[in-house]
């Protein structure tokens, strides 16, 4: 028995060394019933309502509920060369605070848009600013805002570090969730589950949209998991004020 266990450990360590050499990892898989339960949880917290799509036709476009009256501003992290979404919001008289260190300035000249050359993240240095400081600087509790995060995987760290009070300042939250296939391993599944429970305490999903940039993973015929999802959330107190579809 000892030799068998020792042999399994040797093989596991050997494989980890090979994977690490090529910047790859392998983790214990989450049980399929847990993954299905997670997607059932998302489905139970999803409502149907009238939606608009603002921005570019493909990447850079986002679904948003028809509930923009009295929105004070949009805080948009992660811009790149695409700012059609923010430009359309300004046509609704919504000011936009944009942040992205990867560009020098957005490719648009609009007096209702301000730009910060910083990555929004969970720490502050010469290239980064904490989401908490960014939100506290550009919002006040008595107003409603939109939050849009397209930050290449940092969305998990950002949400985990925001307080409930900060999240509640946003009527609408739009997030591109990257590396979503991490829910297939047990640690990733637990972390992602905690992030969604934190958001869905006070919000509902109004649009869950997979982006098929990469091959999906299919389980039987009833579950297909993509690596990138665009998800729009609406604060629960707004449900009675929107037009349902």
Protein backbone atom coordinates (compact mmCIF):
# COMPACT_ATOMS: atom_id res chain seq x y z
CA UNK A 1 0.00 0.00 0.00
CA UNK A 2 2.79 2.41 0.92
CA UNK A 3 4.63 1.76 -2.34
CA UNK A 4 1.43 2.27 -4.35
CA UNK A 5 0.72 5.64 -2.71
CA UNK A 6 4.35 6.70 -3.03
CA UNK A 7 4.30 5.80 -6.72
CA UNK A 8 1.14 7.87 -7.29
CA UNK A 9 2.76 10.84 -5.55
CA UNK A 10 5.86 10.51 -7.71
CA UNK A 11 3.78 10.51 -10.89
CA UNK A 12 1.72 13.51 -9.73
CA UNK A 13 4.81 15.54 -8.82
CA UNK A 14 6.50 14.60 -12.10
CA UNK A 15 3.46 15.74 -14.10
CA UNK A 16 3.26 19.00 -12.13
CA UNK A 17 6.90 19.71 -12.93
CA UNK A 18 6.31 19.18 -16.65
CA UNK A 19 3.19 21.35 -16.62
CA UNK A 20 4.91 24.10 -14.62
CA UNK A 21 7.74 24.16 -17.14
CA UNK A 22 5.18 25.07 -19.83
CA UNK A 23 3.20 27.42 -17.55
CA UNK A 24 0.31 24.98 -17.21
CA UNK A 25 -1.46 23.64 -14.13
CA UNK A 26 -3.77 20.81 -13.19
CA UNK A 27 -6.12 20.72 -10.21
CA UNK A 28 -8.65 18.41 -8.66
CA UNK A 29 -11.89 18.53 -10.66
CA UNK A 30 -15.16 19.74 -9.19
CA UNK A 31 -17.96 17.21 -9.19
CA UNK A 32 -20.28 17.54 -12.17
CA UNK A 33 -23.32 17.77 -9.88
CA UNK A 34 -21.76 20.82 -8.18
CA UNK A 35 -21.20 22.51 -11.55
CA UNK A 36 -24.77 21.80 -12.63
CA UNK A 37 -26.04 23.12 -9.31
CA UNK A 38 -24.07 26.32 -9.86
CA UNK A 39 -25.63 26.93 -13.28
CA UNK A 40 -29.08 26.12 -11.86
CA UNK A 41 -28.38 28.77 -9.20
CA UNK A 42 -27.61 31.32 -11.93
CA UNK A 43 -30.76 30.37 -13.81
CA UNK A 44 -32.95 30.79 -10.71
CA UNK A 45 -31.53 34.28 -10.24
CA UNK A 46 -32.20 35.35 -13.84
CA UNK A 47 -35.18 37.41 -14.99
CA UNK A 48 -36.38 38.37 -18.46
CA UNK A 49 -36.68 42.05 -19.27
CA UNK A 50 -36.38 44.49 -22.15
CA UNK A 51 -32.74 44.93 -23.14
CA UNK A 52 -30.76 47.24 -25.40
CA UNK A 53 -27.35 46.49 -26.89
CA UNK A 54 -25.02 49.47 -26.76
CA UNK A 55 -21.63 49.64 -28.43
CA UNK A 56 -19.94 47.78 -31.26
CA UNK A 57 -21.67 44.84 -32.96
CA UNK A 58 -19.22 42.26 -31.69
CA UNK A 59 -16.54 42.82 -29.06
CA UNK A 60 -17.20 46.10 -27.25
CA UNK A 61 -20.99 45.78 -27.26
CA UNK A 62 -22.97 45.08 -24.09
CA UNK A 63 -26.57 44.30 -23.18
CA UNK A 64 -28.21 46.75 -20.81
CA UNK A 65 -31.74 46.84 -19.34
CA UNK A 66 -34.17 49.59 -20.28
CA UNK A 67 -33.68 51.39 -16.97
CA UNK A 68 -31.40 54.35 -17.64
CA UNK A 69 -33.51 57.24 -16.33
CA UNK A 70 -31.71 59.13 -13.54
CA UNK A 71 -28.48 57.18 -13.95
CA UNK A 72 -25.79 59.62 -12.83
CA UNK A 73 -22.75 58.11 -14.56
CA UNK A 74 -21.03 54.96 -15.81
CA UNK A 75 -17.71 53.74 -14.44
CA UNK A 76 -16.05 51.73 -17.20
CA UNK A 77 -12.82 49.78 -16.62
CA UNK A 78 -11.13 48.21 -19.62
CA UNK A 79 -11.55 50.12 -22.88
CA UNK A 80 -8.89 49.31 -25.45
CA UNK A 81 -9.75 50.75 -28.85
CA UNK A 82 -13.51 50.28 -28.39
CA UNK A 83 -15.65 52.94 -26.73
CA UNK A 84 -18.94 52.76 -28.64
CA UNK A 85 -20.72 51.59 -25.50
CA UNK A 86 -19.64 54.61 -23.50
CA UNK A 87 -20.33 56.98 -26.39
CA UNK A 88 -23.91 55.72 -26.68
CA UNK A 89 -24.43 56.19 -22.96
CA UNK A 90 -23.42 59.84 -23.26
CA UNK A 91 -26.20 60.24 -25.84
CA UNK A 92 -28.52 59.25 -22.97
CA UNK A 93 -26.99 62.11 -20.96
CA UNK A 94 -24.93 59.68 -18.85
CA UNK A 95 -21.40 60.82 -18.00
CA UNK A 96 -18.68 58.18 -18.31
CA UNK A 97 -15.53 57.68 -16.25
CA UNK A 98 -13.18 55.46 -18.25
CA UNK A 99 -9.98 53.79 -17.05
CA UNK A 100 -7.36 51.73 -18.89
CA UNK A 101 -3.57 51.83 -18.61
CA UNK A 102 -3.07 49.98 -21.93
CA UNK A 103 -4.03 53.05 -24.00
CA UNK A 104 -2.92 56.68 -23.89
CA UNK A 105 -6.39 58.04 -24.55
CA UNK A 106 -9.69 56.70 -25.94
CA UNK A 107 -10.28 57.07 -29.67
CA UNK A 108 -13.14 59.50 -29.16
CA UNK A 109 -13.48 63.18 -28.31
CA UNK A 110 -16.49 63.57 -26.04
CA UNK A 111 -16.93 66.19 -23.31
CA UNK A 112 -19.07 63.74 -21.31
CA UNK A 113 -16.20 61.26 -21.01
CA UNK A 114 -13.23 61.51 -18.66
CA UNK A 115 -10.27 59.15 -18.92
CA UNK A 116 -7.82 57.79 -16.36
CA UNK A 117 -4.68 56.03 -17.56
CA UNK A 118 -4.76 53.31 -14.91
CA UNK A 119 -5.70 49.67 -14.66
CA UNK A 120 -8.51 49.21 -12.15
CA UNK A 121 -7.44 46.39 -9.86
CA UNK A 122 -7.09 45.37 -6.21
CA UNK A 123 -3.96 47.43 -5.50
CA UNK A 124 -2.50 50.85 -6.23
CA UNK A 125 0.86 51.63 -7.85
CA UNK A 126 2.15 53.55 -10.87
CA UNK A 127 -0.04 51.55 -13.27
CA UNK A 128 -2.94 50.47 -11.05
CA UNK A 129 -5.67 51.97 -8.89
CA UNK A 130 -7.89 50.04 -6.49
CA UNK A 131 -11.50 49.75 -7.58
CA UNK A 132 -12.50 50.89 -4.11
CA UNK A 133 -10.65 54.22 -4.45
CA UNK A 134 -11.91 54.68 -8.01
CA UNK A 135 -15.53 54.16 -6.96
CA UNK A 136 -15.29 56.33 -3.85
CA UNK A 137 -13.80 59.18 -5.91
CA UNK A 138 -16.42 59.11 -8.67
CA UNK A 139 -19.67 58.17 -6.90
CA UNK A 140 -21.88 59.29 -4.03
CA UNK A 141 -24.34 57.12 -2.12
CA UNK A 142 -27.47 59.06 -3.05
CA UNK A 143 -27.10 58.49 -6.83
CA UNK A 144 -27.34 55.47 -9.14
CA UNK A 145 -24.51 54.38 -11.44
CA UNK A 146 -23.48 51.76 -13.99
CA UNK A 147 -20.35 49.64 -13.51
CA UNK A 148 -18.71 47.96 -16.51
CA UNK A 149 -15.71 45.67 -15.99
CA UNK A 150 -13.74 44.21 -18.90
CA UNK A 151 -10.44 43.70 -17.12
CA UNK A 152 -9.07 40.41 -18.46
CA UNK A 153 -9.55 38.29 -15.34
CA UNK A 154 -9.09 40.92 -12.62
CA UNK A 155 -12.89 41.14 -12.24
CA UNK A 156 -12.82 38.40 -9.58
CA UNK A 157 -10.29 40.24 -7.41
CA UNK A 158 -12.13 43.51 -7.87
CA UNK A 159 -15.53 42.16 -6.81
CA UNK A 160 -14.07 40.25 -3.87
CA UNK A 161 -12.52 43.48 -2.53
CA UNK A 162 -15.57 45.74 -2.91
CA UNK A 163 -17.91 46.30 0.02
CA UNK A 164 -21.64 45.69 -0.18
CA UNK A 165 -22.19 49.44 0.15
CA UNK A 166 -19.99 50.10 -2.89
CA UNK A 167 -21.78 47.48 -5.00
CA UNK A 168 -25.17 48.94 -4.05
CA UNK A 169 -24.22 52.28 -5.58
CA UNK A 170 -24.65 50.62 -8.98
CA UNK A 171 -28.08 50.08 -10.47
CA UNK A 172 -26.56 48.08 -13.32
CA UNK A 173 -23.37 46.02 -13.35
CA UNK A 174 -21.89 44.57 -16.55
CA UNK A 175 -18.96 42.17 -16.25
CA UNK A 176 -17.00 40.10 -18.73
CA UNK A 177 -16.04 37.02 -16.74
CA UNK A 178 -12.83 35.54 -18.14
CA UNK A 179 -11.32 32.09 -17.47
CA UNK A 180 -14.77 30.79 -16.53
CA UNK A 181 -13.65 27.21 -17.14
CA UNK A 182 -11.87 27.49 -13.79
CA UNK A 183 -15.15 26.36 -12.24
CA UNK A 184 -14.21 22.89 -13.47
CA UNK A 185 -11.61 22.56 -10.71
CA UNK A 186 -12.67 22.45 -7.09
CA UNK A 187 -10.83 25.59 -5.95
CA UNK A 188 -11.96 27.68 -8.90
CA UNK A 189 -15.53 26.49 -8.45
CA UNK A 190 -15.60 27.53 -4.80
CA UNK A 191 -14.09 30.95 -5.55
CA UNK A 192 -16.40 31.74 -8.48
CA UNK A 193 -19.38 30.55 -6.46
CA UNK A 194 -18.49 32.99 -3.64
CA UNK A 195 -18.14 35.87 -6.12
CA UNK A 196 -21.60 35.23 -7.59
CA UNK A 197 -23.22 34.82 -4.19
CA UNK A 198 -21.81 38.20 -3.22
CA UNK A 199 -23.29 39.88 -6.31
CA UNK A 200 -26.60 38.01 -6.36
CA UNK A 201 -27.35 38.93 -2.76
CA UNK A 202 -28.61 42.29 -4.06
CA UNK A 203 -28.75 41.81 -7.83
CA UNK A 204 -30.40 39.60 -10.44
CA UNK A 205 -29.07 38.52 -13.81
CA UNK A 206 -30.85 40.04 -16.81
CA UNK A 207 -28.46 38.74 -19.48
CA UNK A 208 -25.97 35.86 -19.47
CA UNK A 209 -24.24 35.77 -22.81
CA UNK A 210 -21.41 33.32 -23.64
CA UNK A 211 -18.71 34.56 -25.98
CA UNK A 212 -17.50 31.64 -28.10
CA UNK A 213 -13.95 32.88 -28.74
CA UNK A 214 -12.57 29.52 -27.64
CA UNK A 215 -13.85 25.95 -27.83
CA UNK A 216 -16.44 25.14 -25.19
CA UNK A 217 -16.53 22.13 -22.90
CA UNK A 218 -19.70 20.04 -23.14
CA UNK A 219 -21.04 17.59 -20.58
CA UNK A 220 -23.54 15.21 -22.14
CA UNK A 221 -26.17 17.27 -24.00
CA UNK A 222 -27.43 19.49 -21.20
CA UNK A 223 -24.38 21.51 -20.09
CA UNK A 224 -21.93 23.50 -22.20
CA UNK A 225 -19.35 25.71 -20.50
CA UNK A 226 -17.56 28.58 -22.24
CA UNK A 227 -14.44 30.32 -21.00
CA UNK A 228 -15.83 33.85 -21.42
CA UNK A 229 -19.26 35.15 -20.37
CA UNK A 230 -20.71 38.63 -20.56
CA UNK A 231 -23.22 39.03 -17.72
CA UNK A 232 -25.48 42.00 -16.94
CA UNK A 233 -26.87 42.42 -13.43
CA UNK A 234 -29.72 44.66 -12.22
CA UNK A 235 -30.17 45.71 -8.59
CA UNK A 236 -33.17 43.94 -7.07
CA UNK A 237 -35.01 47.07 -6.00
CA UNK A 238 -35.34 47.97 -9.71
CA UNK A 239 -37.18 44.80 -10.77
CA UNK A 240 -40.64 46.34 -10.32
CA UNK A 241 -39.62 49.41 -12.34
CA UNK A 242 -38.55 47.71 -15.59
CA UNK A 243 -40.51 46.36 -18.53
CA UNK A 244 -40.49 42.57 -18.47
CA UNK A 245 -40.34 40.55 -21.69
